[in-house]
N, C-alpha and C. Protein backbone atom coordinates (compact mmCIF):
# COMPACT_ATOMS: atom_id res chain seq x y z
N MET A 1 53.86 -83.14 39.31
CA MET A 1 54.22 -81.73 39.42
C MET A 1 55.74 -81.63 39.36
N ASN A 2 56.24 -80.77 38.53
CA ASN A 2 57.67 -80.50 38.39
C ASN A 2 58.20 -79.93 39.71
N GLU A 3 59.14 -80.63 40.34
CA GLU A 3 59.64 -80.23 41.66
C GLU A 3 60.35 -78.87 41.64
N ALA A 4 61.11 -78.59 40.58
CA ALA A 4 61.81 -77.30 40.51
C ALA A 4 60.80 -76.16 40.42
N LEU A 5 59.77 -76.35 39.60
CA LEU A 5 58.73 -75.34 39.45
C LEU A 5 57.95 -75.20 40.76
N LYS A 6 57.66 -76.31 41.40
CA LYS A 6 56.95 -76.28 42.68
C LYS A 6 57.74 -75.48 43.71
N THR A 7 59.05 -75.69 43.76
CA THR A 7 59.90 -74.96 44.71
C THR A 7 59.85 -73.47 44.44
N LYS A 8 59.93 -73.07 43.17
CA LYS A 8 59.86 -71.65 42.82
C LYS A 8 58.52 -71.05 43.24
N VAL A 9 57.44 -71.78 42.99
CA VAL A 9 56.10 -71.29 43.34
C VAL A 9 55.96 -71.19 44.86
N GLU A 10 56.42 -72.20 45.58
CA GLU A 10 56.35 -72.17 47.04
C GLU A 10 57.15 -70.99 47.60
N ASN A 11 58.31 -70.72 47.03
CA ASN A 11 59.12 -69.58 47.49
C ASN A 11 58.39 -68.26 47.24
N ALA A 12 57.75 -68.14 46.08
CA ALA A 12 57.01 -66.92 45.77
C ALA A 12 55.80 -66.78 46.70
N LEU A 13 55.11 -67.89 46.96
CA LEU A 13 53.97 -67.85 47.88
C LEU A 13 54.43 -67.47 49.28
N GLY A 14 55.64 -67.87 49.64
CA GLY A 14 56.20 -67.51 50.94
C GLY A 14 56.35 -66.01 51.11
N LYS A 15 56.54 -65.29 50.01
CA LYS A 15 56.65 -63.82 50.08
C LYS A 15 55.28 -63.16 50.23
N ILE A 16 54.25 -63.82 49.75
CA ILE A 16 52.88 -63.29 49.81
C ILE A 16 52.22 -63.64 51.14
N ARG A 17 52.53 -64.81 51.62
CA ARG A 17 51.86 -65.39 52.80
C ARG A 17 51.78 -64.44 54.01
N PRO A 18 52.85 -63.72 54.38
CA PRO A 18 52.75 -62.84 55.56
C PRO A 18 51.65 -61.78 55.42
N TYR A 19 51.42 -61.28 54.21
CA TYR A 19 50.38 -60.27 54.01
C TYR A 19 48.99 -60.88 54.21
N LEU A 20 48.81 -62.10 53.71
CA LEU A 20 47.53 -62.78 53.88
C LEU A 20 47.31 -63.14 55.36
N GLN A 21 48.36 -63.61 56.00
CA GLN A 21 48.25 -64.01 57.41
C GLN A 21 47.98 -62.81 58.31
N ALA A 22 48.46 -61.65 57.93
CA ALA A 22 48.21 -60.44 58.72
C ALA A 22 46.71 -60.12 58.79
N ASP A 23 45.97 -60.57 57.77
CA ASP A 23 44.52 -60.36 57.73
C ASP A 23 43.75 -61.62 58.12
N GLY A 24 44.45 -62.61 58.67
CA GLY A 24 43.79 -63.82 59.14
C GLY A 24 43.59 -64.89 58.08
N GLY A 25 44.26 -64.76 56.95
CA GLY A 25 44.11 -65.73 55.86
C GLY A 25 45.40 -66.45 55.55
N ASP A 26 45.36 -67.23 54.49
CA ASP A 26 46.54 -67.97 54.04
C ASP A 26 46.25 -68.52 52.65
N VAL A 27 47.29 -69.03 52.01
CA VAL A 27 47.15 -69.64 50.69
C VAL A 27 47.92 -70.96 50.70
N GLN A 28 47.33 -71.98 50.08
CA GLN A 28 47.93 -73.31 50.04
C GLN A 28 48.07 -73.74 48.58
N LEU A 29 49.25 -74.18 48.20
CA LEU A 29 49.48 -74.71 46.86
C LEU A 29 48.86 -76.10 46.77
N ILE A 30 48.01 -76.31 45.78
CA ILE A 30 47.36 -77.60 45.57
C ILE A 30 48.06 -78.35 44.44
N ASP A 31 48.23 -77.70 43.28
CA ASP A 31 48.84 -78.36 42.13
C ASP A 31 49.26 -77.31 41.11
N ILE A 32 50.05 -77.75 40.14
CA ILE A 32 50.41 -76.92 39.00
C ILE A 32 50.12 -77.77 37.76
N VAL A 33 49.18 -77.31 36.93
CA VAL A 33 48.77 -78.06 35.76
C VAL A 33 48.91 -77.17 34.53
N ASP A 34 49.78 -77.55 33.61
CA ASP A 34 50.00 -76.80 32.37
C ASP A 34 50.25 -75.32 32.61
N GLY A 35 51.06 -75.01 33.62
CA GLY A 35 51.40 -73.62 33.90
C GLY A 35 50.38 -72.85 34.72
N ILE A 36 49.28 -73.52 35.09
CA ILE A 36 48.27 -72.89 35.92
C ILE A 36 48.45 -73.38 37.35
N VAL A 37 48.66 -72.44 38.26
CA VAL A 37 48.84 -72.77 39.67
C VAL A 37 47.47 -72.85 40.32
N GLN A 38 47.20 -73.98 40.94
CA GLN A 38 45.94 -74.17 41.65
C GLN A 38 46.21 -73.99 43.14
N VAL A 39 45.48 -73.05 43.74
CA VAL A 39 45.66 -72.75 45.15
C VAL A 39 44.33 -72.80 45.88
N ARG A 40 44.41 -72.94 47.18
CA ARG A 40 43.23 -72.86 48.03
C ARG A 40 43.46 -71.72 49.01
N LEU A 41 42.54 -70.77 49.01
CA LEU A 41 42.60 -69.69 50.00
C LEU A 41 42.01 -70.22 51.29
N ARG A 42 42.65 -69.90 52.41
CA ARG A 42 42.25 -70.45 53.69
C ARG A 42 42.01 -69.34 54.71
N GLY A 43 41.40 -69.72 55.81
CA GLY A 43 41.15 -68.76 56.88
C GLY A 43 40.20 -67.67 56.43
N ALA A 44 40.49 -66.44 56.82
CA ALA A 44 39.63 -65.31 56.48
C ALA A 44 39.54 -65.10 54.97
N CYS A 45 40.56 -65.51 54.23
CA CYS A 45 40.56 -65.33 52.77
C CYS A 45 39.51 -66.21 52.09
N ALA A 46 39.19 -67.35 52.70
CA ALA A 46 38.29 -68.31 52.08
C ALA A 46 36.90 -67.71 51.85
N GLY A 47 36.41 -66.90 52.76
CA GLY A 47 35.07 -66.35 52.61
C GLY A 47 35.04 -64.87 52.32
N CYS A 48 36.18 -64.29 52.10
CA CYS A 48 36.29 -62.84 51.91
C CYS A 48 35.72 -62.41 50.56
N PRO A 49 34.91 -61.34 50.55
CA PRO A 49 34.39 -60.83 49.28
C PRO A 49 35.50 -60.34 48.33
N GLY A 50 36.63 -59.97 48.89
CA GLY A 50 37.75 -59.50 48.07
C GLY A 50 38.71 -60.60 47.65
N ALA A 51 38.33 -61.85 47.87
CA ALA A 51 39.23 -62.98 47.60
C ALA A 51 39.64 -63.05 46.13
N THR A 52 38.70 -62.79 45.23
CA THR A 52 39.03 -62.85 43.80
C THR A 52 40.07 -61.80 43.44
N MET A 53 39.93 -60.60 43.99
CA MET A 53 40.90 -59.55 43.71
C MET A 53 42.25 -59.91 44.33
N THR A 54 42.22 -60.45 45.54
CA THR A 54 43.46 -60.89 46.19
C THR A 54 44.15 -61.94 45.34
N LEU A 55 43.37 -62.87 44.82
CA LEU A 55 43.92 -63.96 44.02
C LEU A 55 44.56 -63.42 42.74
N LYS A 56 43.86 -62.57 42.02
CA LYS A 56 44.36 -62.08 40.73
C LYS A 56 45.40 -60.98 40.88
N MET A 57 45.11 -59.98 41.69
CA MET A 57 45.99 -58.82 41.79
C MET A 57 47.18 -59.06 42.71
N GLY A 58 47.04 -59.93 43.68
CA GLY A 58 48.13 -60.19 44.61
C GLY A 58 48.88 -61.46 44.28
N VAL A 59 48.20 -62.58 44.41
CA VAL A 59 48.85 -63.88 44.24
C VAL A 59 49.31 -64.09 42.80
N GLU A 60 48.41 -63.94 41.84
CA GLU A 60 48.76 -64.19 40.44
C GLU A 60 49.84 -63.23 39.94
N ARG A 61 49.69 -61.96 40.22
CA ARG A 61 50.67 -60.98 39.76
C ARG A 61 52.06 -61.28 40.33
N THR A 62 52.13 -61.57 41.62
CA THR A 62 53.41 -61.87 42.24
C THR A 62 54.02 -63.15 41.67
N LEU A 63 53.20 -64.19 41.51
CA LEU A 63 53.73 -65.44 40.97
C LEU A 63 54.25 -65.26 39.54
N LYS A 64 53.53 -64.52 38.72
CA LYS A 64 53.99 -64.29 37.34
C LYS A 64 55.30 -63.50 37.31
N GLU A 65 55.47 -62.57 38.24
CA GLU A 65 56.71 -61.80 38.32
C GLU A 65 57.87 -62.69 38.78
N GLN A 66 57.63 -63.52 39.78
CA GLN A 66 58.68 -64.35 40.37
C GLN A 66 58.97 -65.61 39.56
N VAL A 67 57.94 -66.14 38.90
CA VAL A 67 58.05 -67.41 38.18
C VAL A 67 57.44 -67.22 36.79
N PRO A 68 58.23 -66.76 35.82
CA PRO A 68 57.70 -66.42 34.49
C PRO A 68 57.01 -67.58 33.76
N GLU A 69 57.30 -68.81 34.16
CA GLU A 69 56.68 -69.97 33.51
C GLU A 69 55.19 -70.08 33.83
N ILE A 70 54.73 -69.38 34.84
CA ILE A 70 53.34 -69.47 35.27
C ILE A 70 52.46 -68.67 34.32
N LYS A 71 51.36 -69.31 33.89
CA LYS A 71 50.39 -68.67 32.98
C LYS A 71 49.25 -68.01 33.75
N GLY A 72 48.93 -68.55 34.92
CA GLY A 72 47.83 -68.01 35.70
C GLY A 72 47.66 -68.74 37.02
N VAL A 73 46.67 -68.28 37.77
CA VAL A 73 46.37 -68.85 39.08
C VAL A 73 44.86 -69.03 39.16
N GLU A 74 44.44 -70.16 39.72
CA GLU A 74 43.01 -70.36 39.94
C GLU A 74 42.79 -70.97 41.32
N ALA A 75 41.65 -70.60 41.91
CA ALA A 75 41.27 -71.15 43.22
C ALA A 75 40.54 -72.46 43.00
N VAL A 76 40.86 -73.44 43.82
CA VAL A 76 40.17 -74.74 43.74
C VAL A 76 39.60 -75.09 45.09
């Protein structure tokens, strides 16, 4: 994993994390493969019916805005 890219992604996730934690959840960076960020939703987010929307509309949108090199986000 490219360390500079990882740092940018971690910083962007740091901006999202308080919103997830406010609802009892969290997000963990697992890997970055060919511009796709692999994350694991944790806590309340892991079993939430809205997790897919949170992932795409919240996490992915924010990461693409903050880190233009990112092509997408997927849960693993």
